[in-house]
Amino acid sequence: MITVEKIQTVQDKIKLAIAQIEREENVKISFGNRSYNKKEYTTKMSVKTLAVDQSTMEAVGTVNKQMSQRYGFSENIIGKKFMSTSGELTITEFKTRNRKFPIITTNESGNSFKHTVEQIKLRLQIANNVG
């Protein structure tokens, strides 16, 4: 019978087995959402490359700068940090489909927060004036 404990045990064993593949192929393999009943369970598994070449980094940097300019910033804001009530936040990504809160930040604990462009402009202005 499939239970939450059984799923965790199986996934832990799978993780041990794929650790070698991760090392050999320079990838990170992780499990996502799952659903189950008494007979079976299904889960999503994602594989992300850890290898980053220079051309990829340049392309990502160009896209981030273009997105920053699209939102009215003069430079790439990805990686910029500022203080808030949630601690120090780092701008990590753009969510272009979210029109109201297109800028995502994370704190040191890994929690994500959504922001408006105006909120980020104000926070970065405050951070630049203080620092």
N, C-alpha and C. Protein backbone atom coordinates (compact mmCIF):
# COMPACT_ATOMS: atom_id res chain seq x y z
N MET A 1 0.85 -1.17 0.00
CA MET A 1 0.00 0.00 0.00
C MET A 1 0.90 1.24 0.00
N ILE A 2 0.53 2.24 -0.78
CA ILE A 2 1.30 3.48 -0.89
C ILE A 2 0.86 4.46 0.19
N THR A 3 1.82 4.92 0.99
CA THR A 3 1.58 5.94 2.01
C THR A 3 2.62 7.04 1.84
N VAL A 4 2.45 8.12 2.57
CA VAL A 4 3.42 9.21 2.51
C VAL A 4 4.80 8.71 2.94
N GLU A 5 4.84 7.89 3.96
CA GLU A 5 6.10 7.35 4.44
C GLU A 5 6.76 6.46 3.38
N LYS A 6 5.96 5.65 2.70
CA LYS A 6 6.48 4.77 1.65
C LYS A 6 7.04 5.60 0.50
N ILE A 7 6.33 6.66 0.13
CA ILE A 7 6.80 7.54 -0.94
C ILE A 7 8.15 8.14 -0.56
N GLN A 8 8.27 8.62 0.66
CA GLN A 8 9.52 9.25 1.10
C GLN A 8 10.65 8.24 1.09
N THR A 9 10.39 7.02 1.55
CA THR A 9 11.41 5.97 1.55
C THR A 9 11.88 5.66 0.13
N VAL A 10 10.93 5.51 -0.78
CA VAL A 10 11.27 5.20 -2.17
C VAL A 10 12.07 6.34 -2.79
N GLN A 11 11.61 7.58 -2.58
CA GLN A 11 12.32 8.72 -3.16
C GLN A 11 13.72 8.88 -2.59
N ASP A 12 13.88 8.58 -1.31
CA ASP A 12 15.21 8.64 -0.71
C ASP A 12 16.15 7.62 -1.36
N LYS A 13 15.64 6.43 -1.61
CA LYS A 13 16.45 5.40 -2.27
C LYS A 13 16.78 5.80 -3.71
N ILE A 14 15.81 6.40 -4.40
CA ILE A 14 16.05 6.86 -5.76
C ILE A 14 17.12 7.95 -5.75
N LYS A 15 17.03 8.88 -4.79
CA LYS A 15 18.02 9.96 -4.69
C LYS A 15 19.42 9.40 -4.49
N LEU A 16 19.55 8.37 -3.67
CA LEU A 16 20.87 7.75 -3.47
C LEU A 16 21.38 7.14 -4.78
N ALA A 17 20.46 6.52 -5.53
CA ALA A 17 20.85 5.88 -6.78
C ALA A 17 21.22 6.90 -7.85
N ILE A 18 20.56 8.04 -7.86
CA ILE A 18 20.85 9.02 -8.91
C ILE A 18 21.97 9.99 -8.54
N ALA A 19 22.48 9.91 -7.33
CA ALA A 19 23.57 10.80 -6.93
C ALA A 19 24.77 10.63 -7.84
N GLN A 20 25.06 9.43 -8.25
CA GLN A 20 26.18 9.19 -9.14
C GLN A 20 25.92 9.81 -10.51
N ILE A 21 24.70 9.71 -10.99
CA ILE A 21 24.35 10.32 -12.27
C ILE A 21 24.53 11.84 -12.19
N GLU A 22 24.11 12.43 -11.08
CA GLU A 22 24.27 13.88 -10.90
C GLU A 22 25.73 14.28 -10.99
N ARG A 23 26.61 13.53 -10.34
CA ARG A 23 28.04 13.83 -10.38
C ARG A 23 28.61 13.66 -11.78
N GLU A 24 28.29 12.56 -12.42
CA GLU A 24 28.83 12.26 -13.74
C GLU A 24 28.36 13.23 -14.81
N GLU A 25 27.10 13.64 -14.74
CA GLU A 25 26.51 14.48 -15.78
C GLU A 25 26.47 15.96 -15.42
N ASN A 26 26.91 16.32 -14.21
CA ASN A 26 26.92 17.70 -13.75
C ASN A 26 25.51 18.31 -13.83
N VAL A 27 24.55 17.60 -13.20
CA VAL A 27 23.16 18.05 -13.17
C VAL A 27 22.62 17.94 -11.75
N LYS A 28 21.50 18.59 -11.51
CA LYS A 28 20.78 18.47 -10.25
C LYS A 28 19.42 17.87 -10.56
N ILE A 29 19.09 16.77 -9.91
CA ILE A 29 17.83 16.08 -10.13
C ILE A 29 16.98 16.23 -8.87
N SER A 30 15.76 16.70 -9.05
CA SER A 30 14.88 16.90 -7.90
C SER A 30 13.45 16.44 -8.23
N PHE A 31 12.71 16.18 -7.17
CA PHE A 31 11.34 15.73 -7.31
C PHE A 31 10.39 16.90 -7.06
N GLY A 32 9.28 16.90 -7.79
CA GLY A 32 8.29 17.97 -7.65
C GLY A 32 7.00 17.45 -7.05
N ASN A 33 5.89 17.98 -7.53
CA ASN A 33 4.57 17.61 -7.02
C ASN A 33 4.33 16.11 -7.19
N ARG A 34 3.53 15.58 -6.30
CA ARG A 34 3.20 14.16 -6.40
C ARG A 34 1.73 13.95 -6.10
N SER A 35 1.23 12.88 -6.62
CA SER A 35 -0.14 12.45 -6.30
C SER A 35 -0.09 10.95 -6.12
N TYR A 36 -0.98 10.44 -5.28
CA TYR A 36 -0.93 9.01 -5.02
C TYR A 36 -2.29 8.49 -4.56
N ASN A 37 -2.43 7.19 -4.71
CA ASN A 37 -3.56 6.46 -4.12
C ASN A 37 -2.97 5.20 -3.50
N LYS A 38 -3.79 4.25 -3.11
CA LYS A 38 -3.28 3.05 -2.43
C LYS A 38 -2.40 2.19 -3.31
N LYS A 39 -2.59 2.27 -4.65
CA LYS A 39 -1.86 1.39 -5.56
C LYS A 39 -0.61 2.01 -6.18
N GLU A 40 -0.62 3.34 -6.39
CA GLU A 40 0.51 3.93 -7.11
C GLU A 40 0.69 5.40 -6.73
N TYR A 41 1.86 5.91 -7.08
CA TYR A 41 2.07 7.35 -6.95
C TYR A 41 2.83 7.84 -8.16
N THR A 42 2.59 9.09 -8.50
CA THR A 42 3.30 9.72 -9.60
C THR A 42 3.94 11.00 -9.06
N THR A 43 5.06 11.33 -9.63
CA THR A 43 5.76 12.53 -9.23
C THR A 43 6.45 13.13 -10.44
N LYS A 44 6.72 14.41 -10.35
CA LYS A 44 7.46 15.09 -11.40
C LYS A 44 8.92 15.12 -10.98
N MET A 45 9.78 14.80 -11.91
CA MET A 45 11.21 14.85 -11.66
C MET A 45 11.81 15.86 -12.63
N SER A 46 12.63 16.77 -12.13
CA SER A 46 13.26 17.74 -13.01
C SER A 46 14.77 17.56 -12.96
N VAL A 47 15.39 17.80 -14.10
CA VAL A 47 16.84 17.69 -14.23
C VAL A 47 17.34 19.04 -14.74
N LYS A 48 18.21 19.68 -13.95
CA LYS A 48 18.76 20.98 -14.33
C LYS A 48 20.27 20.86 -14.46
N THR A 49 20.80 21.45 -15.49
CA THR A 49 22.24 21.42 -15.69
C THR A 49 22.92 22.39 -14.73
N LEU A 50 24.08 22.03 -14.27
CA LEU A 50 24.88 22.89 -13.43
C LEU A 50 26.00 23.56 -14.22
N ALA A 51 26.19 23.10 -15.46
CA ALA A 51 27.23 23.65 -16.31
C ALA A 51 26.74 24.97 -16.91
N VAL A 52 27.56 25.97 -16.81
CA VAL A 52 27.24 27.27 -17.36
C VAL A 52 28.42 27.72 -18.22
N ASP A 53 28.16 27.91 -19.51
CA ASP A 53 29.24 28.39 -20.36
C ASP A 53 29.16 29.91 -20.50
N GLN A 54 30.20 30.49 -21.00
CA GLN A 54 30.30 31.96 -21.08
C GLN A 54 29.21 32.55 -21.98
N SER A 55 28.91 31.91 -23.10
CA SER A 55 27.90 32.46 -24.01
C SER A 55 26.52 32.46 -23.36
N THR A 56 26.23 31.44 -22.55
CA THR A 56 24.95 31.40 -21.84
C THR A 56 24.88 32.53 -20.82
N MET A 57 25.97 32.75 -20.09
CA MET A 57 26.00 33.83 -19.10
C MET A 57 25.81 35.19 -19.76
N GLU A 58 26.46 35.40 -20.90
CA GLU A 58 26.32 36.66 -21.61
C GLU A 58 24.90 36.86 -22.10
N ALA A 59 24.28 35.78 -22.61
CA ALA A 59 22.91 35.88 -23.10
C ALA A 59 21.95 36.19 -21.96
N VAL A 60 22.12 35.53 -20.83
CA VAL A 60 21.27 35.79 -19.67
C VAL A 60 21.45 37.21 -19.17
N GLY A 61 22.69 37.67 -19.12
CA GLY A 61 22.98 39.04 -18.70
C GLY A 61 22.33 40.06 -19.61
N THR A 62 22.36 39.81 -20.92
CA THR A 62 21.74 40.70 -21.89
C THR A 62 20.23 40.74 -21.71
N VAL A 63 19.63 39.59 -21.53
CA VAL A 63 18.17 39.52 -21.33
C VAL A 63 17.79 40.23 -20.04
N ASN A 64 18.54 40.01 -18.96
CA ASN A 64 18.23 40.66 -17.69
C ASN A 64 18.36 42.18 -17.80
N LYS A 65 19.37 42.65 -18.54
CA LYS A 65 19.52 44.09 -18.71
C LYS A 65 18.36 44.65 -19.53
N GLN A 66 17.96 43.94 -20.57
CA GLN A 66 16.83 44.38 -21.39
C GLN A 66 15.54 44.43 -20.57
N MET A 67 15.34 43.41 -19.73
CA MET A 67 14.14 43.39 -18.89
C MET A 67 14.17 44.53 -17.88
N SER A 68 15.33 44.77 -17.31
CA SER A 68 15.47 45.87 -16.36
C SER A 68 15.13 47.19 -17.03
N GLN A 69 15.65 47.39 -18.24
CA GLN A 69 15.36 48.62 -18.97
C GLN A 69 13.88 48.72 -19.33
N ARG A 70 13.28 47.61 -19.65
CA ARG A 70 11.84 47.59 -19.96
C ARG A 70 11.02 48.10 -18.78
N TYR A 71 11.47 47.81 -17.58
CA TYR A 71 10.75 48.26 -16.39
C TYR A 71 11.23 49.62 -15.89
N GLY A 72 12.13 50.27 -16.64
CA GLY A 72 12.51 51.63 -16.32
C GLY A 72 13.78 51.79 -15.51
N PHE A 73 14.59 50.75 -15.40
CA PHE A 73 15.86 50.84 -14.68
C PHE A 73 16.98 51.09 -15.69
N SER A 74 18.02 51.76 -15.27
CA SER A 74 19.11 52.08 -16.19
C SER A 74 20.13 50.94 -16.32
N GLU A 75 20.12 50.00 -15.38
CA GLU A 75 21.07 48.90 -15.41
C GLU A 75 20.37 47.60 -15.00
N ASN A 76 21.08 46.50 -15.16
CA ASN A 76 20.56 45.20 -14.75
C ASN A 76 20.37 45.19 -13.23
N ILE A 77 19.16 44.91 -12.77
CA ILE A 77 18.89 44.92 -11.33
C ILE A 77 18.95 43.53 -10.69
N ILE A 78 19.08 42.49 -11.50
CA ILE A 78 19.17 41.13 -10.95
C ILE A 78 20.43 41.05 -10.10
N GLY A 79 20.27 40.60 -8.86
CA GLY A 79 21.39 40.49 -7.94
C GLY A 79 21.52 41.68 -7.00
N LYS A 80 20.79 42.75 -7.27
CA LYS A 80 20.82 43.92 -6.37
C LYS A 80 20.18 43.55 -5.05
N LYS A 81 20.66 44.14 -3.97
CA LYS A 81 20.16 43.84 -2.62
C LYS A 81 19.65 45.11 -1.96
N PHE A 82 18.68 44.92 -1.08
CA PHE A 82 18.17 46.04 -0.29
C PHE A 82 17.53 45.48 0.98
N MET A 83 17.37 46.33 1.97
CA MET A 83 16.78 45.92 3.24
C MET A 83 15.28 46.16 3.23
N SER A 84 14.55 45.28 3.89
CA SER A 84 13.10 45.44 4.07
C SER A 84 12.74 44.86 5.43
N THR A 85 11.47 44.85 5.74
CA THR A 85 11.03 44.28 7.01
C THR A 85 11.28 42.78 7.07
N SER A 86 11.47 42.15 5.92
CA SER A 86 11.75 40.71 5.86
C SER A 86 13.24 40.42 5.87
N GLY A 87 14.06 41.43 6.13
CA GLY A 87 15.50 41.26 6.12
C GLY A 87 16.09 41.72 4.81
N GLU A 88 17.30 41.30 4.53
CA GLU A 88 17.94 41.67 3.27
C GLU A 88 17.35 40.85 2.14
N LEU A 89 16.87 41.52 1.10
CA LEU A 89 16.28 40.86 -0.05
C LEU A 89 17.19 41.03 -1.26
N THR A 90 17.25 39.99 -2.09
CA THR A 90 18.02 40.02 -3.32
C THR A 90 17.06 39.85 -4.48
N ILE A 91 17.16 40.71 -5.48
CA ILE A 91 16.32 40.60 -6.67
C ILE A 91 16.84 39.41 -7.48
N THR A 92 15.94 38.44 -7.73
CA THR A 92 16.38 37.20 -8.36
C THR A 92 15.82 36.95 -9.75
N GLU A 93 14.62 37.47 -10.06
CA GLU A 93 14.05 37.16 -11.37
C GLU A 93 12.91 38.09 -11.72
N PHE A 94 12.52 38.01 -13.00
CA PHE A 94 11.36 38.72 -13.51
C PHE A 94 10.29 37.71 -13.84
N LYS A 95 9.06 38.03 -13.52
CA LYS A 95 7.90 37.22 -13.92
C LYS A 95 7.06 38.10 -14.85
N THR A 96 7.37 38.05 -16.12
CA THR A 96 6.75 38.97 -17.07
C THR A 96 5.25 38.77 -17.23
N ARG A 97 4.75 37.60 -16.92
CA ARG A 97 3.31 37.36 -17.02
C ARG A 97 2.53 37.97 -15.86
N ASN A 98 3.23 38.28 -14.79
CA ASN A 98 2.58 38.91 -13.65
C ASN A 98 2.71 40.42 -13.83
N ARG A 99 1.66 41.04 -14.30
CA ARG A 99 1.73 42.47 -14.63
C ARG A 99 1.82 43.35 -13.39
N LYS A 100 1.17 42.95 -12.31
CA LYS A 100 1.16 43.79 -11.12
C LYS A 100 2.44 43.63 -10.29
N PHE A 101 2.92 42.40 -10.14
CA PHE A 101 4.10 42.12 -9.32
C PHE A 101 5.15 41.35 -10.15
N PRO A 102 5.82 42.02 -11.08
CA PRO A 102 6.72 41.30 -12.00
C PRO A 102 8.12 41.02 -11.48
N ILE A 103 8.47 41.57 -10.32
CA ILE A 103 9.85 41.40 -9.83
C ILE A 103 9.83 40.53 -8.58
N ILE A 104 10.68 39.50 -8.58
CA ILE A 104 10.74 38.53 -7.49
C ILE A 104 12.04 38.71 -6.74
N THR A 105 11.93 38.69 -5.41
CA THR A 105 13.12 38.74 -4.56
C THR A 105 13.11 37.54 -3.63
N THR A 106 14.26 37.24 -3.06
CA THR A 106 14.35 36.19 -2.04
C THR A 106 15.16 36.72 -0.87
N ASN A 107 14.83 36.20 0.32
CA ASN A 107 15.61 36.59 1.50
C ASN A 107 16.64 35.49 1.77
N GLU A 108 17.39 35.64 2.85
CA GLU A 108 18.46 34.70 3.16
C GLU A 108 17.94 33.29 3.45
N SER A 109 16.68 33.20 3.89
CA SER A 109 16.08 31.91 4.18
C SER A 109 15.56 31.20 2.94
N GLY A 110 15.55 31.91 1.80
CA GLY A 110 15.07 31.33 0.57
C GLY A 110 13.60 31.62 0.28
N ASN A 111 12.95 32.41 1.14
CA ASN A 111 11.56 32.78 0.89
C ASN A 111 11.48 33.79 -0.23
N SER A 112 10.48 33.63 -1.11
CA SER A 112 10.31 34.52 -2.25
C SER A 112 9.23 35.55 -1.97
N PHE A 113 9.41 36.73 -2.56
CA PHE A 113 8.45 37.81 -2.42
C PHE A 113 8.22 38.46 -3.78
N LYS A 114 6.98 38.90 -4.03
CA LYS A 114 6.64 39.58 -5.27
C LYS A 114 6.60 41.08 -5.00
N HIS A 115 7.04 41.86 -6.01
CA HIS A 115 7.07 43.32 -5.85
C HIS A 115 6.60 44.00 -7.12
N THR A 116 6.06 45.20 -6.94
CA THR A 116 5.76 46.06 -8.08
C THR A 116 7.06 46.75 -8.48
N VAL A 117 7.07 47.29 -9.68
CA VAL A 117 8.24 48.03 -10.16
C VAL A 117 8.47 49.24 -9.27
N GLU A 118 7.39 49.92 -8.88
CA GLU A 118 7.51 51.11 -8.04
C GLU A 118 8.13 50.78 -6.69
N GLN A 119 7.75 49.65 -6.10
CA GLN A 119 8.32 49.25 -4.82
C GLN A 119 9.84 49.06 -4.94
N ILE A 120 10.26 48.41 -6.00
CA ILE A 120 11.69 48.14 -6.20
C ILE A 120 12.44 49.44 -6.45
N LYS A 121 11.86 50.33 -7.27
CA LYS A 121 12.53 51.61 -7.52
C LYS A 121 12.72 52.38 -6.22
N LEU A 122 11.71 52.40 -5.38
CA LEU A 122 11.80 53.10 -4.10
C LEU A 122 12.84 52.45 -3.20
N ARG A 123 12.83 51.13 -3.08
CA ARG A 123 13.78 50.42 -2.22
C ARG A 123 15.21 50.60 -2.69
N LEU A 124 15.44 50.52 -4.01
CA LEU A 124 16.80 50.70 -4.52
C LEU A 124 17.26 52.14 -4.36
N GLN A 125 16.35 53.09 -4.49
CA GLN A 125 16.70 54.49 -4.28
C GLN A 125 17.10 54.71 -2.83
N ILE A 126 16.34 54.14 -1.91
CA ILE A 126 16.66 54.25 -0.49
C ILE A 126 18.01 53.59 -0.20
N ALA A 127 18.24 52.40 -0.77
CA ALA A 127 19.50 51.69 -0.56
C ALA A 127 20.68 52.47 -1.10
N ASN A 128 20.51 53.12 -2.24
CA ASN A 128 21.62 53.89 -2.84
C ASN A 128 21.89 55.16 -2.03
N ASN A 129 20.86 55.77 -1.47
CA ASN A 129 21.05 56.99 -0.68
C ASN A 129 21.70 56.70 0.66
N VAL A 130 21.36 55.53 1.25
CA VAL A 130 21.93 55.16 2.55
C VAL A 130 23.37 54.70 2.39
N GLY A 131 23.62 53.86 1.35
CA GLY A 131 24.95 53.27 1.16
C GLY A 131 25.80 54.17 0.42
